[in-house]
């Protein structure tokens, strides 16, 4: 599920609201891989969506 979530988040990253919605879904579906998703999101989107990442991961 992690790779699928990464693909979806990459594809919707052009739209802030859609990214926010899909990140919430991804967090619910990745289960034990949550720390890997968090790390990847911060590496990939920390400059573009820092507030959204903080909202979902803190």
C-alpha atoms as a PDB file:
ATOM      1  CA  UNK A   1       0.000   0.000   0.000  1.00  0.00           C
ATOM      2  CA  UNK A   2       2.916   2.345   0.618  1.00  0.00           C
ATOM      3  CA  UNK A   3       4.010   2.468  -3.007  1.00  0.00           C
ATOM      4  CA  UNK A   4       0.429   3.007  -4.147  1.00  0.00           C
ATOM      5  CA  UNK A   5       0.036   5.866  -1.668  1.00  0.00           C
ATOM      6  CA  UNK A   6       3.266   7.467  -2.879  1.00  0.00           C
ATOM      7  CA  UNK A   7       2.039   7.285  -6.461  1.00  0.00           C
ATOM      8  CA  UNK A   8      -1.299   8.886  -5.614  1.00  0.00           C
ATOM      9  CA  UNK A   9       0.277  11.653  -3.528  1.00  0.00           C
ATOM     10  CA  UNK A  10       2.735  12.455  -6.294  1.00  0.00           C
ATOM     11  CA  UNK A  11      -0.060  12.673  -8.844  1.00  0.00           C
ATOM     12  CA  UNK A  12      -2.292  14.948  -6.754  1.00  0.00           C
ATOM     13  CA  UNK A  13       0.475  17.186  -5.420  1.00  0.00           C
ATOM     14  CA  UNK A  14      -0.533  19.961  -7.825  1.00  0.00           C
ATOM     15  CA  UNK A  15      -3.653  20.683  -5.723  1.00  0.00           C
ATOM     16  CA  UNK A  16      -3.345  21.573  -2.026  1.00  0.00           C
ATOM     17  CA  UNK A  17      -6.841  20.433  -0.987  1.00  0.00           C
ATOM     18  CA  UNK A  18      -6.614  17.179  -2.901  1.00  0.00           C
ATOM     19  CA  UNK A  19      -3.158  16.470  -1.477  1.00  0.00           C
ATOM     20  CA  UNK A  20      -4.493  17.083   2.035  1.00  0.00           C
ATOM     21  CA  UNK A  21      -7.404  14.690   1.461  1.00  0.00           C
ATOM     22  CA  UNK A  22      -5.278  11.954  -0.105  1.00  0.00           C
ATOM     23  CA  UNK A  23      -2.628  12.208   2.611  1.00  0.00           C
ATOM     24  CA  UNK A  24      -5.300  11.616   5.241  1.00  0.00           C
ATOM     25  CA  UNK A  25      -6.443   8.530   3.317  1.00  0.00           C
ATOM     26  CA  UNK A  26      -2.885   7.283   2.890  1.00  0.00           C
ATOM     27  CA  UNK A  27      -2.212   7.550   6.609  1.00  0.00           C
ATOM     28  CA  UNK A  28      -5.237   5.359   7.294  1.00  0.00           C
ATOM     29  CA  UNK A  29      -4.227   2.703   4.768  1.00  0.00           C
ATOM     30  CA  UNK A  30      -0.470   2.236   5.174  1.00  0.00           C
ATOM     31  CA  UNK A  31      -0.668   0.739   8.655  1.00  0.00           C
ATOM     32  CA  UNK A  32       2.750  -0.371   9.907  1.00  0.00           C
ATOM     33  CA  UNK A  33       4.516   1.581   7.168  1.00  0.00           C
ATOM     34  CA  UNK A  34       3.419   4.936   8.576  1.00  0.00           C
ATOM     35  CA  UNK A  35       6.943   5.975   9.570  1.00  0.00           C
ATOM     36  CA  UNK A  36       8.170   5.243   6.041  1.00  0.00           C
ATOM     37  CA  UNK A  37       5.322   7.306   4.576  1.00  0.00           C
ATOM     38  CA  UNK A  38       6.123  10.171   6.932  1.00  0.00           C
ATOM     39  CA  UNK A  39       9.800  10.132   6.016  1.00  0.00           C
ATOM     40  CA  UNK A  40       9.055  10.028   2.295  1.00  0.00           C
ATOM     41  CA  UNK A  41       6.496  12.845   2.555  1.00  0.00           C
ATOM     42  CA  UNK A  42       8.895  15.112   4.403  1.00  0.00           C
ATOM     43  CA  UNK A  43      11.677  14.362   1.922  1.00  0.00           C
ATOM     44  CA  UNK A  44       9.408  14.991  -1.051  1.00  0.00           C
ATOM     45  CA  UNK A  45       6.926  17.701   0.022  1.00  0.00           C
ATOM     46  CA  UNK A  46       8.423  19.536   3.007  1.00  0.00           C
ATOM     47  CA  UNK A  47       9.012  22.723   1.010  1.00  0.00           C
ATOM     48  CA  UNK A  48       5.694  22.683  -0.792  1.00  0.00           C
ATOM     49  CA  UNK A  49       3.244  21.610   1.932  1.00  0.00           C
ATOM     50  CA  UNK A  50       4.896  21.967   5.356  1.00  0.00           C
ATOM     51  CA  UNK A  51       1.686  22.928   7.165  1.00  0.00           C
ATOM     52  CA  UNK A  52      -0.268  20.000   5.756  1.00  0.00           C
ATOM     53  CA  UNK A  53       2.483  17.568   6.736  1.00  0.00           C
ATOM     54  CA  UNK A  54       2.642  19.043  10.213  1.00  0.00           C
ATOM     55  CA  UNK A  55      -1.146  18.816  10.536  1.00  0.00           C
ATOM     56  CA  UNK A  56      -1.211  15.111   9.703  1.00  0.00           C
ATOM     57  CA  UNK A  57       1.991  13.842  11.269  1.00  0.00           C
ATOM     58  CA  UNK A  58       2.280  15.867  14.515  1.00  0.00           C
END
